[in-house]
Amino acid sequence: MSWKLKEKARVLLSQEKGTIIKSWGGKISVALIFPNYYHVGMANLGFQIVYRIINDHPQAVCERAFLPQPLELLEFQRSSTPLFSLESQTPLQQFDIIAFSLSFENDYPNILTLLDLARIPLRSFQRKEGYPLVCAGGVTTFLNPEPLAEFIDFFALGEAEELVPEWLNLLYELKAKKVLRREILKQLTQVEGVYVPQLYSITYNEDGTIASFSPKKGIPYPVKRRWIKNLNNYPAHSVISSPNIELGGMSLLEIGRGCSFGCRFCAAGWIYRPVRFRSLNALEESLPSVLIQDNKIGLVSAAIGDHPKLKAICQIIQDKGGKISVSSLRANAITSELLTALKESGHQSITMAPETGSERLRRLIRKNITDEEIFAAVELIALSGIPNLRLYFLLGLPSETIADIDQIISLAKKIKHTIIKQVKKKTLPGTITLSLSPFVPKPFTPFQWVAFENLGVLNQKIKHIQNGLKNERQIIITYDLPKWSYIQALLSRSDRRAGKILLEVHKKNGNWNKALQETDINPDFYVYRHREFNEILPWDFIDQGIKKETLISEYHQALTLS
């Protein structure tokens, strides 16, 4: 084992506050892995919540692992060092459970890299007695786990607070009885929300669509996504802080889950239903634990401005000597009081997501924000003295035209003029950043049936916006590369046959172009194809509590606005 790598782990640990160290004796050992770099994974609140949930369990111990940085990866390979945990530097192969926390589809290839480094067989059927069970949870898994079905022994679908302790309890009992691996997986399906892919059979039609998706005898169908009724019973905030985290110097505090607006493109607004808020009392009880880590608190929710007690939350944090941070605000939720609190907390930028430049498209996607509300918010931001503004836009939405793209350009210019008018200067006090992202249709949304926009067209639209704003000083344009959005669309909408592509990407060291050329799977089948309403979709076996008829109705309503 490499001394350099172990020393790097010890240095990271020494810079953390809040690390949980538990003895292993007689416990279920879990290696919780975020399939990206340390600074990214530790900025993920869901990852930190699961870390605490497992370590709170009296019969479990949880340690962490992450994707090594490029130079570290070379050192692992050069020294033949197996991937090990951060806390005790124990090789992952010695754990009972390898648990992946998944938030982004584009991290999927990293899962194979990590299993390889840990010297664990990539495919589930190759793992014999003695190997850790490999599980996965996180938002991408309860949207569509199927691309990873070949590599994961079991998935935990839904919110973790009650689900994780339940499968830990069962595993602890089965381990004590020395039950064999195959029987363990079968019995785990007794826990609502646990999905074991190998216990379901799939057949396909000649055209490549799914003909049937069938459970083996005694295995549940559909699999119900888990959610918790009362958020107040489960605190959700950062456990560990470190200067090496992407959001170093700030702890995260979740104030609610779900969004009441139900935008037709947004999975979070559908799969986290019903909308739930933490009470003011529950949040106040969490604050001492959060403020002991950092004095800046990042509020987390799908729609921050929806919390009915947001003003009081901000006031309590400030009264306790804390500062406030938010990621994005809905235009009609922005108030002068909120902006004052953010300004006093050191905010130098405000983020809004108009999503489109045209009101027609906003109505189509059910983002019911008017231009008037956007300009009113911009005026308040300008008057607050916060200098910078970031605006998120989607490209490639259903029925989008070049006129809609021109309205992004027009809206940006009008916003710039509005700010200059309010500050009574000839130039902006800061910058306006337009962040452009190709629209990726997601499972369990009304747009789950539509096709992804052609890559060439997306690139043309980005170029059109760049040309339209090239003479506008202090307007900056950033964008997600359409080719990576294409990959995200592939991984979020494909079935378990896409595992062949992931294996090829792994063999080709991350070279997607070569991998796609050398597999017999046509990625365009998953990306560019419009689905029929009567088609069996890869994720249809998951019960989100959403009727498909509701999604179809929303889809038809959108079409009337196209």
Protein backbone atom coordinates (compact mmCIF):
# COMPACT_ATOMS: atom_id res chain seq x y z
CA MET A 1 0.00 0.00 0.00
CA SER A 2 1.32 3.45 -0.98
CA TRP A 3 2.59 5.55 1.92
CA LYS A 4 1.92 8.72 -0.13
CA LEU A 5 -1.76 7.89 -0.53
CA LYS A 6 -2.23 7.00 3.14
CA GLU A 7 -0.51 10.22 4.19
CA LYS A 8 -2.75 12.25 1.87
CA ALA A 9 -5.81 10.66 3.54
CA ARG A 10 -4.48 11.49 7.01
CA VAL A 11 -3.87 15.12 6.02
CA LEU A 12 -7.43 15.43 4.69
CA LEU A 13 -8.80 13.99 7.92
CA SER A 14 -6.73 16.34 10.05
CA GLN A 15 -8.33 19.34 8.32
CA GLU A 16 -11.91 18.18 8.90
CA LYS A 17 -14.28 19.13 11.70
CA GLY A 18 -17.08 16.74 12.60
CA THR A 19 -15.56 13.48 11.30
CA ILE A 20 -17.20 10.41 12.86
CA ILE A 21 -14.86 7.63 13.97
CA LYS A 22 -16.45 4.38 15.21
CA SER A 23 -15.06 1.00 16.19
CA TRP A 24 -15.88 -1.89 13.88
CA GLY A 25 -16.46 -4.59 16.46
CA GLY A 26 -19.51 -6.70 15.59
CA LYS A 27 -21.01 -4.04 13.31
CA ILE A 28 -22.10 -3.88 9.67
CA SER A 29 -19.31 -1.96 7.90
CA VAL A 30 -20.33 0.41 5.09
CA ALA A 31 -18.00 2.18 2.68
CA LEU A 32 -20.01 5.18 1.48
CA ILE A 33 -18.66 6.34 -1.88
CA PHE A 34 -19.30 9.51 -3.85
CA PRO A 35 -18.17 8.75 -7.42
CA ASN A 36 -16.42 12.06 -7.90
CA TYR A 37 -13.63 14.01 -6.21
CA TYR A 38 -13.56 14.70 -2.47
CA HIS A 39 -14.26 18.43 -2.78
CA VAL A 40 -17.36 17.72 -4.89
CA GLY A 41 -18.72 14.85 -2.81
CA MET A 42 -18.34 16.59 0.53
CA ALA A 43 -20.30 19.58 -0.80
CA ASN A 44 -23.25 17.23 -1.41
CA LEU A 45 -25.73 17.45 1.46
CA GLY A 46 -27.38 14.12 0.62
CA PHE A 47 -24.02 12.35 0.92
CA GLN A 48 -23.38 13.89 4.34
CA ILE A 49 -26.90 13.06 5.54
CA VAL A 50 -26.48 9.36 4.66
CA TYR A 51 -23.05 9.34 6.35
CA ARG A 52 -24.70 10.50 9.58
CA ILE A 53 -27.71 8.16 9.25
CA ILE A 54 -25.49 5.08 8.96
CA ASN A 55 -23.17 6.11 11.76
CA ASP A 56 -26.16 6.86 14.00
CA HIS A 57 -27.14 3.21 13.66
CA PRO A 58 -25.84 1.29 16.72
CA GLN A 59 -24.99 -1.82 14.66
CA ALA A 60 -23.27 -0.03 11.76
CA VAL A 61 -20.10 1.90 11.01
CA CYS A 62 -19.67 4.11 7.96
CA GLU A 63 -16.48 5.37 6.36
CA ARG A 64 -16.04 7.34 3.14
CA ALA A 65 -14.26 6.99 -0.19
CA PHE A 66 -14.06 9.17 -3.30
CA LEU A 67 -12.76 9.16 -6.84
CA PRO A 68 -8.99 9.80 -6.67
CA GLN A 69 -7.63 12.90 -8.39
CA PRO A 70 -5.74 12.10 -11.65
CA LEU A 71 -2.28 12.05 -10.04
CA GLU A 72 -3.59 9.99 -7.11
CA LEU A 73 -5.19 7.56 -9.55
CA LEU A 74 -1.81 7.06 -11.21
CA GLU A 75 -0.25 6.41 -7.80
CA PHE A 76 -2.93 3.82 -6.96
CA GLN A 77 -2.17 2.06 -10.24
CA ARG A 78 1.63 2.40 -9.98
CA SER A 79 1.78 1.06 -6.43
CA SER A 80 -0.96 -1.58 -6.90
CA THR A 81 -2.72 -0.08 -3.89
CA PRO A 82 -6.38 -1.14 -3.55
CA LEU A 83 -8.85 1.68 -2.97
CA PHE A 84 -9.27 2.30 0.76
CA SER A 85 -11.54 4.27 3.07
CA LEU A 86 -10.67 7.74 4.29
CA GLU A 87 -11.26 7.24 8.02
CA SER A 88 -9.25 4.07 8.73
CA GLN A 89 -7.52 3.49 5.36
CA THR A 90 -9.13 0.04 5.22
CA PRO A 91 -9.28 -1.58 1.75
CA LEU A 92 -12.85 -1.42 0.46
CA GLN A 93 -12.86 -5.13 -0.23
CA GLN A 94 -12.95 -5.70 3.55
CA PHE A 95 -16.26 -3.86 4.04
CA ASP A 96 -19.63 -5.60 4.23
CA ILE A 97 -21.32 -2.99 2.03
CA ILE A 98 -20.12 -0.69 -0.73
CA ALA A 99 -22.74 2.08 -1.00
CA PHE A 100 -22.68 4.60 -3.85
CA SER A 101 -24.41 7.97 -3.43
CA LEU A 102 -25.49 9.09 -6.91
CA SER A 103 -26.61 12.58 -7.89
CA PHE A 104 -25.37 12.89 -11.47
CA GLU A 105 -25.69 10.46 -14.38
CA ASN A 106 -22.37 11.56 -15.85
CA ASP A 107 -20.61 10.08 -12.79
CA TYR A 108 -21.73 6.55 -13.73
CA PRO A 109 -18.45 5.56 -15.47
CA ASN A 110 -16.60 6.50 -12.27
CA ILE A 111 -18.47 3.72 -10.46
CA LEU A 112 -16.70 1.12 -12.62
CA THR A 113 -13.36 2.85 -12.08
CA LEU A 114 -13.87 2.74 -8.31
CA LEU A 115 -14.95 -0.91 -8.24
CA ASP A 116 -11.90 -1.77 -10.33
CA LEU A 117 -9.60 0.12 -7.96
CA ALA A 118 -11.23 -1.67 -5.02
CA ARG A 119 -10.60 -5.03 -6.77
CA ILE A 120 -14.27 -5.89 -6.73
CA PRO A 121 -15.75 -7.60 -9.84
CA LEU A 122 -17.67 -5.10 -11.93
CA ARG A 123 -20.72 -7.23 -12.66
CA SER A 124 -23.06 -8.31 -9.91
CA PHE A 125 -23.22 -11.95 -11.07
CA GLN A 126 -19.40 -12.22 -10.84
CA ARG A 127 -19.31 -11.47 -7.09
CA LYS A 128 -19.14 -14.61 -5.00
CA GLU A 129 -19.42 -15.12 -1.25
CA GLY A 130 -16.96 -12.93 0.63
CA TYR A 131 -17.23 -9.87 -1.60
CA PRO A 132 -19.05 -6.79 -0.28
CA LEU A 133 -22.62 -6.22 -1.36
CA VAL A 134 -22.74 -3.24 -3.73
CA CYS A 135 -25.70 -0.90 -3.38
CA ALA A 136 -26.64 2.54 -4.67
CA GLY A 137 -29.03 5.33 -3.74
CA GLY A 138 -29.55 8.97 -4.57
CA VAL A 139 -31.85 10.90 -6.85
CA THR A 140 -30.66 9.40 -10.14
CA THR A 141 -31.38 5.89 -8.87
CA PHE A 142 -35.04 6.52 -8.15
CA LEU A 143 -35.46 8.27 -11.48
CA ASN A 144 -33.99 5.39 -13.48
CA PRO A 145 -31.49 2.87 -12.06
CA GLU A 146 -31.54 0.57 -15.09
CA PRO A 147 -28.28 1.63 -16.85
CA LEU A 148 -26.47 0.46 -13.69
CA ALA A 149 -28.51 -2.74 -13.17
CA GLU A 150 -25.66 -5.02 -14.22
CA PHE A 151 -23.21 -3.55 -11.69
CA ILE A 152 -25.31 -2.93 -8.55
CA ASP A 153 -26.54 -5.72 -6.24
CA PHE A 154 -29.38 -3.65 -4.82
CA PHE A 155 -30.74 -0.12 -5.03
CA ALA A 156 -32.34 1.89 -2.23
CA LEU A 157 -35.03 3.91 -4.01
CA GLY A 158 -36.21 7.07 -2.29
CA GLU A 159 -35.44 9.21 0.73
CA ALA A 160 -32.88 7.66 3.04
CA GLU A 161 -33.96 8.60 6.56
CA GLU A 162 -36.19 5.56 7.20
CA LEU A 163 -35.15 3.34 4.30
CA VAL A 164 -31.44 3.02 5.17
CA PRO A 165 -31.92 2.00 8.84
CA GLU A 166 -34.47 -0.63 7.77
CA TRP A 167 -32.16 -2.42 5.35
CA LEU A 168 -29.28 -2.09 7.83
CA ASN A 169 -31.39 -3.81 10.50
CA LEU A 170 -32.20 -6.69 8.18
CA LEU A 171 -28.60 -7.05 7.00
CA TYR A 172 -27.38 -7.14 10.59
CA GLU A 173 -29.77 -10.02 11.36
CA LEU A 174 -28.89 -11.93 8.19
CA LYS A 175 -25.16 -11.47 8.73
CA ALA A 176 -25.48 -12.91 12.26
CA LYS A 177 -27.23 -15.95 10.78
CA LYS A 178 -24.54 -16.28 8.07
CA VAL A 179 -27.14 -16.25 5.32
CA LEU A 180 -25.71 -16.66 1.80
CA ARG A 181 -25.43 -13.73 -0.60
CA ARG A 182 -28.22 -14.72 -2.99
CA GLU A 183 -30.70 -15.28 -0.17
CA ILE A 184 -29.69 -11.97 1.44
CA LEU A 185 -30.59 -10.12 -1.76
CA LYS A 186 -33.90 -11.91 -1.99
CA GLN A 187 -34.82 -11.10 1.61
CA LEU A 188 -33.79 -7.47 1.21
CA THR A 189 -36.75 -7.00 -1.15
CA GLN A 190 -38.95 -7.27 1.95
CA VAL A 191 -37.86 -3.70 2.71
CA GLU A 192 -40.08 -1.28 0.82
CA GLY A 193 -37.93 0.70 -1.60
CA VAL A 194 -35.24 -1.95 -2.12
CA TYR A 195 -34.80 -3.02 -5.74
CA VAL A 196 -32.65 -6.03 -6.71
CA PRO A 197 -32.25 -5.98 -10.53
CA GLN A 198 -31.26 -9.64 -10.90
CA LEU A 199 -34.67 -10.68 -9.52
CA TYR A 200 -36.50 -9.13 -12.49
CA SER A 201 -36.59 -10.37 -16.09
CA ILE A 202 -36.91 -8.16 -19.16
CA THR A 203 -37.85 -9.05 -22.74
CA TYR A 204 -37.69 -6.79 -25.79
CA ASN A 205 -39.71 -6.26 -28.94
CA GLU A 206 -38.14 -6.46 -32.38
CA ASP A 207 -38.04 -2.66 -32.57
CA GLY A 208 -35.92 -2.51 -29.37
CA THR A 209 -38.64 -1.32 -27.03
CA ILE A 210 -39.41 -3.21 -23.82
CA ALA A 211 -41.96 -6.03 -24.22
CA SER A 212 -42.17 -7.08 -20.57
CA PHE A 213 -40.66 -6.37 -17.15
CA SER A 214 -41.42 -9.23 -14.76
CA PRO A 215 -40.47 -9.98 -11.14
CA LYS A 216 -39.56 -13.48 -10.01
CA LYS A 217 -42.04 -15.25 -7.75
CA GLY A 218 -42.54 -13.49 -4.44
CA ILE A 219 -40.66 -10.33 -5.49
CA PRO A 220 -42.56 -7.02 -5.24
CA TYR A 221 -43.82 -5.17 -8.31
CA PRO A 222 -43.94 -2.24 -8.60
CA VAL A 223 -41.17 -1.04 -6.28
CA LYS A 224 -42.40 1.85 -4.15
CA ARG A 225 -40.18 4.90 -3.82
CA ARG A 226 -39.79 5.82 -0.13
CA TRP A 227 -40.50 9.25 1.29
CA ILE A 228 -40.74 10.57 4.82
CA LYS A 229 -43.87 12.28 6.07
CA ASN A 230 -42.44 14.56 8.75
CA LEU A 231 -39.10 16.21 7.98
CA ASN A 232 -38.92 17.58 11.52
CA ASN A 233 -38.10 14.10 12.81
CA TYR A 234 -34.87 14.02 10.83
CA PRO A 235 -32.36 16.89 10.95
CA ALA A 236 -30.62 17.48 7.64
CA HIS A 237 -27.47 19.54 7.73
CA SER A 238 -23.75 19.28 7.08
CA VAL A 239 -21.92 16.95 9.44
CA ILE A 240 -18.34 17.58 8.34
CA SER A 241 -16.69 20.83 7.32
CA SER A 242 -13.30 21.25 5.70
CA PRO A 243 -11.39 23.93 3.78
CA ASN A 244 -10.99 21.36 0.98
CA ILE A 245 -14.73 21.22 0.23
CA GLU A 246 -16.11 22.98 -2.86
CA LEU A 247 -18.23 25.13 -0.55
CA GLY A 248 -15.47 25.51 2.03
CA GLY A 249 -16.42 27.81 4.90
CA MET A 250 -20.14 27.12 4.54
CA SER A 251 -22.39 24.49 6.08
CA LEU A 252 -25.65 23.39 4.44
CA LEU A 253 -29.08 23.30 6.09
CA GLU A 254 -32.09 21.79 4.35
CA ILE A 255 -35.27 23.78 5.02
CA GLY A 256 -37.68 21.84 2.79
CA ARG A 257 -38.17 19.23 0.08
CA GLY A 258 -40.15 19.42 -3.11
CA CYS A 259 -41.55 22.30 -5.10
CA SER A 260 -45.17 23.36 -5.45
CA PHE A 261 -44.87 24.73 -9.00
CA GLY A 262 -44.57 21.42 -10.88
CA CYS A 263 -42.54 22.72 -13.82
CA ARG A 264 -42.99 20.20 -16.62
CA PHE A 265 -39.25 19.77 -17.24
CA CYS A 266 -38.14 19.40 -13.61
CA ALA A 267 -37.91 15.95 -12.00
CA ALA A 268 -37.40 17.35 -8.49
CA GLY A 269 -40.79 19.04 -8.63
CA TRP A 270 -42.47 15.68 -9.28
CA ILE A 271 -40.57 12.94 -7.45
CA TYR A 272 -40.24 14.85 -4.16
CA ARG A 273 -43.98 15.29 -3.83
CA PRO A 274 -45.67 16.15 -1.57
CA VAL A 275 -43.95 19.44 -0.74
CA ARG A 276 -42.72 19.48 2.85
CA PHE A 277 -41.14 22.23 4.95
CA ARG A 278 -39.16 21.99 8.16
CA SER A 279 -40.70 23.97 11.01
CA LEU A 280 -39.00 27.03 12.43
CA ASN A 281 -38.51 25.24 15.77
CA ALA A 282 -36.87 22.22 14.14
CA LEU A 283 -34.51 24.43 12.16
CA GLU A 284 -33.62 26.46 15.22
CA GLU A 285 -32.74 23.25 17.08
CA SER A 286 -30.32 22.33 14.28
CA LEU A 287 -28.54 25.67 14.21
CA PRO A 288 -26.08 25.08 17.12
CA SER A 289 -24.79 21.93 15.38
CA VAL A 290 -24.44 23.81 12.10
CA LEU A 291 -22.91 27.02 13.40
CA ILE A 292 -20.26 25.14 15.36
CA GLN A 293 -18.85 24.07 11.97
CA ASP A 294 -19.08 27.32 9.98
CA ASN A 295 -20.71 30.69 10.49
CA LYS A 296 -22.10 30.82 6.94
CA ILE A 297 -25.17 28.64 6.33
CA GLY A 298 -26.32 27.66 2.88
CA LEU A 299 -30.08 27.13 2.84
CA VAL A 300 -31.12 24.13 0.74
CA SER A 301 -34.50 23.46 -0.86
CA ALA A 302 -35.93 22.99 -4.34
CA ALA A 303 -37.58 26.39 -3.95
CA ILE A 304 -36.00 28.45 -1.15
CA GLY A 305 -38.46 31.31 -1.46
CA ASP A 306 -41.46 29.02 -0.92
CA HIS A 307 -40.75 28.44 2.76
CA PRO A 308 -43.47 30.33 4.63
CA LYS A 309 -41.01 31.27 7.41
CA LEU A 310 -38.02 32.22 5.27
CA LYS A 311 -37.79 35.73 6.68
CA ALA A 312 -37.82 34.38 10.24
CA ILE A 313 -35.22 31.72 9.38
CA CYS A 314 -32.86 34.38 8.06
CA GLN A 315 -33.43 36.55 11.13
CA ILE A 316 -32.69 33.71 13.56
CA ILE A 317 -29.46 32.81 11.75
CA GLN A 318 -28.32 36.43 11.80
CA ASP A 319 -29.28 36.84 15.48
CA LYS A 320 -27.04 33.88 16.28
CA GLY A 321 -24.13 35.47 14.45
CA GLY A 322 -24.46 33.46 11.26
CA LYS A 323 -24.44 34.48 7.63
CA ILE A 324 -26.85 33.27 4.94
CA SER A 325 -26.32 31.86 1.48
CA VAL A 326 -28.80 30.67 -1.15
CA SER A 327 -28.15 29.03 -4.50
CA SER A 328 -31.05 30.30 -6.61
CA LEU A 329 -34.18 32.35 -6.09
CA ARG A 330 -37.47 32.47 -7.97
CA ALA A 331 -38.02 35.97 -9.34
CA ASN A 332 -41.39 36.46 -7.61
CA ALA A 333 -39.96 35.30 -4.27
CA ILE A 334 -37.27 37.99 -4.12
CA THR A 335 -37.91 40.70 -1.51
CA SER A 336 -35.89 43.68 -0.35
CA GLU A 337 -35.70 42.14 3.16
CA LEU A 338 -34.21 38.91 1.82
CA LEU A 339 -31.73 40.80 -0.36
CA THR A 340 -30.67 42.92 2.63
CA ALA A 341 -29.97 39.75 4.64
CA LEU A 342 -27.97 38.28 1.75
CA LYS A 343 -26.04 41.54 1.26
CA GLU A 344 -25.17 41.66 4.97
CA SER A 345 -23.99 38.04 4.69
CA GLY A 346 -21.53 38.96 1.97
CA HIS A 347 -23.47 37.83 -1.11
CA GLN A 348 -21.88 39.23 -4.26
CA SER A 349 -24.22 37.51 -6.69
CA ILE A 350 -27.88 36.54 -7.06
CA THR A 351 -29.03 33.65 -9.23
CA MET A 352 -32.40 33.37 -10.96
CA ALA A 353 -33.64 30.82 -13.48
CA PRO A 354 -36.03 32.36 -16.05
CA GLU A 355 -35.38 29.14 -18.06
CA THR A 356 -36.53 30.79 -21.31
CA GLY A 357 -36.58 34.24 -22.84
CA SER A 358 -40.21 34.01 -23.93
CA GLU A 359 -43.30 34.04 -21.76
CA ARG A 360 -44.93 31.56 -24.17
CA LEU A 361 -42.28 28.93 -23.47
CA ARG A 362 -42.40 29.67 -19.75
CA ARG A 363 -46.12 28.96 -19.76
CA LEU A 364 -45.50 25.79 -21.81
CA ILE A 365 -43.03 24.43 -19.25
CA ARG A 366 -45.22 25.75 -16.42
CA LYS A 367 -42.60 28.18 -15.20
CA ASN A 368 -45.22 30.83 -14.58
CA ILE A 369 -42.95 33.85 -14.21
CA THR A 370 -43.65 36.95 -16.29
CA ASP A 371 -41.16 39.41 -17.75
CA GLU A 372 -42.67 42.02 -15.45
CA GLU A 373 -41.83 39.91 -12.39
CA ILE A 374 -38.29 39.34 -13.66
CA PHE A 375 -37.69 43.08 -14.15
CA ALA A 376 -39.19 43.86 -10.73
CA ALA A 377 -36.76 41.38 -9.15
CA VAL A 378 -33.85 42.85 -11.11
CA GLU A 379 -34.71 46.34 -9.86
CA LEU A 380 -34.67 45.12 -6.25
CA ILE A 381 -31.32 43.37 -6.81
CA ALA A 382 -29.83 46.53 -8.33
CA LEU A 383 -31.08 48.67 -5.44
CA SER A 384 -29.70 46.17 -2.90
CA GLY A 385 -26.15 46.83 -4.04
CA ILE A 386 -25.43 43.18 -4.86
CA PRO A 387 -23.39 43.65 -8.04
CA ASN A 388 -23.60 40.39 -9.96
CA LEU A 389 -26.50 38.47 -11.49
CA ARG A 390 -26.57 34.93 -12.90
CA LEU A 391 -29.41 33.76 -15.12
CA TYR A 392 -30.08 30.13 -16.06
CA PHE A 393 -31.65 29.26 -19.42
CA LEU A 394 -32.61 25.97 -21.04
CA LEU A 395 -32.11 25.33 -24.75
CA GLY A 396 -33.94 22.74 -26.83
CA LEU A 397 -37.30 22.77 -25.05
CA PRO A 398 -40.31 21.33 -26.90
CA SER A 399 -41.56 23.65 -29.68
CA GLU A 400 -38.66 26.09 -29.19
CA THR A 401 -38.04 28.33 -32.20
CA ILE A 402 -35.34 30.79 -33.20
CA ALA A 403 -37.74 33.54 -32.09
CA ASP A 404 -37.62 32.10 -28.56
CA ILE A 405 -33.81 32.14 -28.71
CA ASP A 406 -33.87 35.77 -29.86
CA GLN A 407 -35.96 36.58 -26.80
CA ILE A 408 -33.16 35.29 -24.54
CA ILE A 409 -30.90 37.87 -26.19
CA SER A 410 -33.57 40.58 -25.85
CA LEU A 411 -34.28 39.73 -22.20
CA ALA A 412 -30.59 39.89 -21.30
CA LYS A 413 -30.24 43.33 -22.90
CA LYS A 414 -33.36 44.64 -21.14
CA ILE A 415 -32.13 43.31 -17.79
CA LYS A 416 -28.82 45.09 -18.31
CA HIS A 417 -30.64 48.32 -19.15
CA THR A 418 -32.88 47.93 -16.07
CA ILE A 419 -29.88 47.59 -13.75
CA ILE A 420 -28.05 50.57 -15.29
CA LYS A 421 -31.21 52.68 -14.95
CA GLN A 422 -31.59 51.78 -11.27
CA VAL A 423 -27.96 52.39 -10.26
CA LYS A 424 -27.93 55.62 -12.32
CA LYS A 425 -24.56 54.85 -13.89
CA LYS A 426 -23.38 54.29 -17.44
CA THR A 427 -22.10 50.79 -16.78
CA LEU A 428 -23.08 47.78 -14.68
CA PRO A 429 -21.69 47.59 -11.13
CA GLY A 430 -20.79 43.95 -11.81
CA THR A 431 -21.59 41.33 -14.42
CA ILE A 432 -24.57 39.47 -15.82
CA THR A 433 -23.79 35.83 -16.51
CA LEU A 434 -26.03 33.78 -18.77
CA SER A 435 -25.68 30.07 -18.03
CA LEU A 436 -27.03 27.99 -20.92
CA SER A 437 -27.91 24.30 -20.53
CA PRO A 438 -29.38 21.91 -23.08
CA PHE A 439 -32.74 20.54 -21.92
CA VAL A 440 -32.52 16.85 -20.94
CA PRO A 441 -35.92 15.09 -20.76
CA LYS A 442 -36.17 13.30 -17.41
CA PRO A 443 -38.18 10.30 -16.18
CA PHE A 444 -41.38 10.96 -14.21
CA THR A 445 -41.95 14.37 -15.78
CA PRO A 446 -44.57 15.33 -18.38
CA PHE A 447 -41.73 15.63 -20.90
CA GLN A 448 -40.36 12.11 -20.33
CA TRP A 449 -41.63 11.08 -23.79
CA VAL A 450 -40.00 13.85 -25.85
CA ALA A 451 -36.73 13.65 -27.78
CA PHE A 452 -33.47 15.39 -26.92
CA GLU A 453 -32.60 18.25 -29.28
CA ASN A 454 -30.14 17.53 -32.11
CA LEU A 455 -26.54 18.35 -31.14
CA GLY A 456 -25.95 20.43 -34.25
CA VAL A 457 -29.05 22.54 -33.59
CA LEU A 458 -28.03 23.08 -29.94
CA ASN A 459 -24.59 24.28 -30.96
CA GLN A 460 -26.17 26.66 -33.48
CA LYS A 461 -28.46 28.10 -30.79
CA ILE A 462 -25.52 28.70 -28.44
CA LYS A 463 -23.60 30.40 -31.23
CA HIS A 464 -26.64 32.54 -32.07
CA ILE A 465 -26.86 33.81 -28.49
CA GLN A 466 -23.12 34.47 -28.38
CA ASN A 467 -23.30 36.49 -31.59
CA GLY A 468 -26.36 38.39 -30.39
CA LEU A 469 -24.61 39.52 -27.21
CA LYS A 470 -21.00 39.81 -28.39
CA ASN A 471 -21.05 43.61 -28.22
CA GLU A 472 -22.65 43.73 -24.77
CA ARG A 473 -19.91 44.48 -22.28
CA GLN A 474 -20.21 42.80 -18.87
CA ILE A 475 -22.59 40.14 -20.16
CA ILE A 476 -20.83 36.79 -19.88
CA ILE A 477 -22.05 33.58 -21.49
CA THR A 478 -21.24 30.14 -20.11
CA TYR A 479 -22.74 26.87 -21.31
CA ASP A 480 -22.79 23.14 -20.75
CA LEU A 481 -21.28 21.30 -23.70
CA PRO A 482 -24.15 19.73 -25.66
CA LYS A 483 -22.16 16.51 -26.15
CA TRP A 484 -22.14 15.93 -22.37
CA SER A 485 -25.85 16.70 -22.17
CA TYR A 486 -26.30 14.05 -24.87
CA ILE A 487 -24.52 11.56 -22.57
CA GLN A 488 -26.71 12.63 -19.66
CA ALA A 489 -29.81 12.09 -21.81
CA LEU A 490 -28.52 8.64 -22.77
CA LEU A 491 -27.86 7.58 -19.18
CA SER A 492 -31.03 9.05 -17.72
CA ARG A 493 -33.38 7.45 -20.30
CA SER A 494 -31.84 4.11 -21.28
CA ASP A 495 -32.54 0.58 -20.06
CA ARG A 496 -30.10 -1.98 -18.66
CA ARG A 497 -28.64 -2.70 -22.12
CA ALA A 498 -26.76 0.61 -21.74
CA GLY A 499 -24.52 -1.24 -19.26
CA LYS A 500 -22.60 -2.50 -22.31
CA ILE A 501 -21.79 1.11 -23.19
CA LEU A 502 -20.58 1.86 -19.67
CA LEU A 503 -18.34 -1.21 -19.75
CA GLU A 504 -16.86 -0.06 -23.05
CA VAL A 505 -16.32 3.47 -21.72
CA HIS A 506 -14.45 1.92 -18.80
CA LYS A 507 -12.29 -0.18 -21.13
CA LYS A 508 -11.57 2.91 -23.24
CA ASN A 509 -10.52 4.96 -20.17
CA GLY A 510 -13.42 7.37 -20.46
CA ASN A 511 -13.30 7.86 -24.23
CA TRP A 512 -17.00 8.10 -25.05
CA ASN A 513 -16.53 8.57 -28.79
CA LYS A 514 -14.63 5.31 -29.17
CA ALA A 515 -16.95 3.47 -26.79
CA LEU A 516 -20.07 4.49 -28.70
CA GLN A 517 -18.46 3.46 -31.98
CA GLU A 518 -17.45 0.02 -30.73
CA THR A 519 -20.68 -1.19 -29.09
CA ASP A 520 -23.68 -2.63 -30.87
CA ILE A 521 -26.00 -0.36 -28.88
CA ASN A 522 -27.38 2.62 -30.78
CA PRO A 523 -27.37 5.56 -28.33
CA ASP A 524 -29.63 7.64 -30.59
CA PHE A 525 -32.39 5.10 -29.90
CA TYR A 526 -32.51 6.38 -26.31
CA VAL A 527 -31.64 10.03 -26.94
CA TYR A 528 -33.35 11.22 -30.12
CA ARG A 529 -36.42 8.99 -30.17
CA HIS A 530 -39.87 10.26 -29.17
CA ARG A 531 -41.63 7.67 -26.96
CA GLU A 532 -45.20 6.55 -27.42
CA PHE A 533 -47.57 6.85 -24.45
CA ASN A 534 -48.31 3.11 -24.47
CA GLU A 535 -44.62 2.14 -24.46
CA ILE A 536 -43.18 0.37 -21.40
CA LEU A 537 -40.50 2.75 -20.16
CA PRO A 538 -37.39 1.43 -18.36
CA TRP A 539 -38.40 3.16 -15.13
CA ASP A 540 -42.09 2.21 -15.15
CA PHE A 541 -41.52 -0.42 -12.43
CA ILE A 542 -40.99 2.37 -9.86
CA ASP A 543 -44.06 3.67 -8.05
CA GLN A 544 -43.44 7.38 -7.38
CA GLY A 545 -47.01 8.01 -6.34
CA ILE A 546 -47.55 9.79 -9.68
CA LYS A 547 -50.20 8.53 -12.08
CA LYS A 548 -48.99 8.26 -15.67
CA GLU A 549 -52.33 9.71 -16.74
CA THR A 550 -51.45 12.89 -14.83
CA LEU A 551 -48.17 13.24 -16.72
CA ILE A 552 -49.88 12.59 -20.06
CA SER A 553 -52.50 15.22 -19.26
CA GLU A 554 -49.79 17.75 -18.41
CA TYR A 555 -48.00 16.89 -21.66
CA HIS A 556 -51.17 17.54 -23.69
CA GLN A 557 -51.76 20.82 -21.87
CA ALA A 558 -48.25 21.91 -22.79
CA LEU A 559 -48.84 21.10 -26.45
CA THR A 560 -51.82 23.47 -26.54
CA LEU A 561 -49.34 26.28 -25.78
CA SER A 562 -46.82 25.29 -28.47
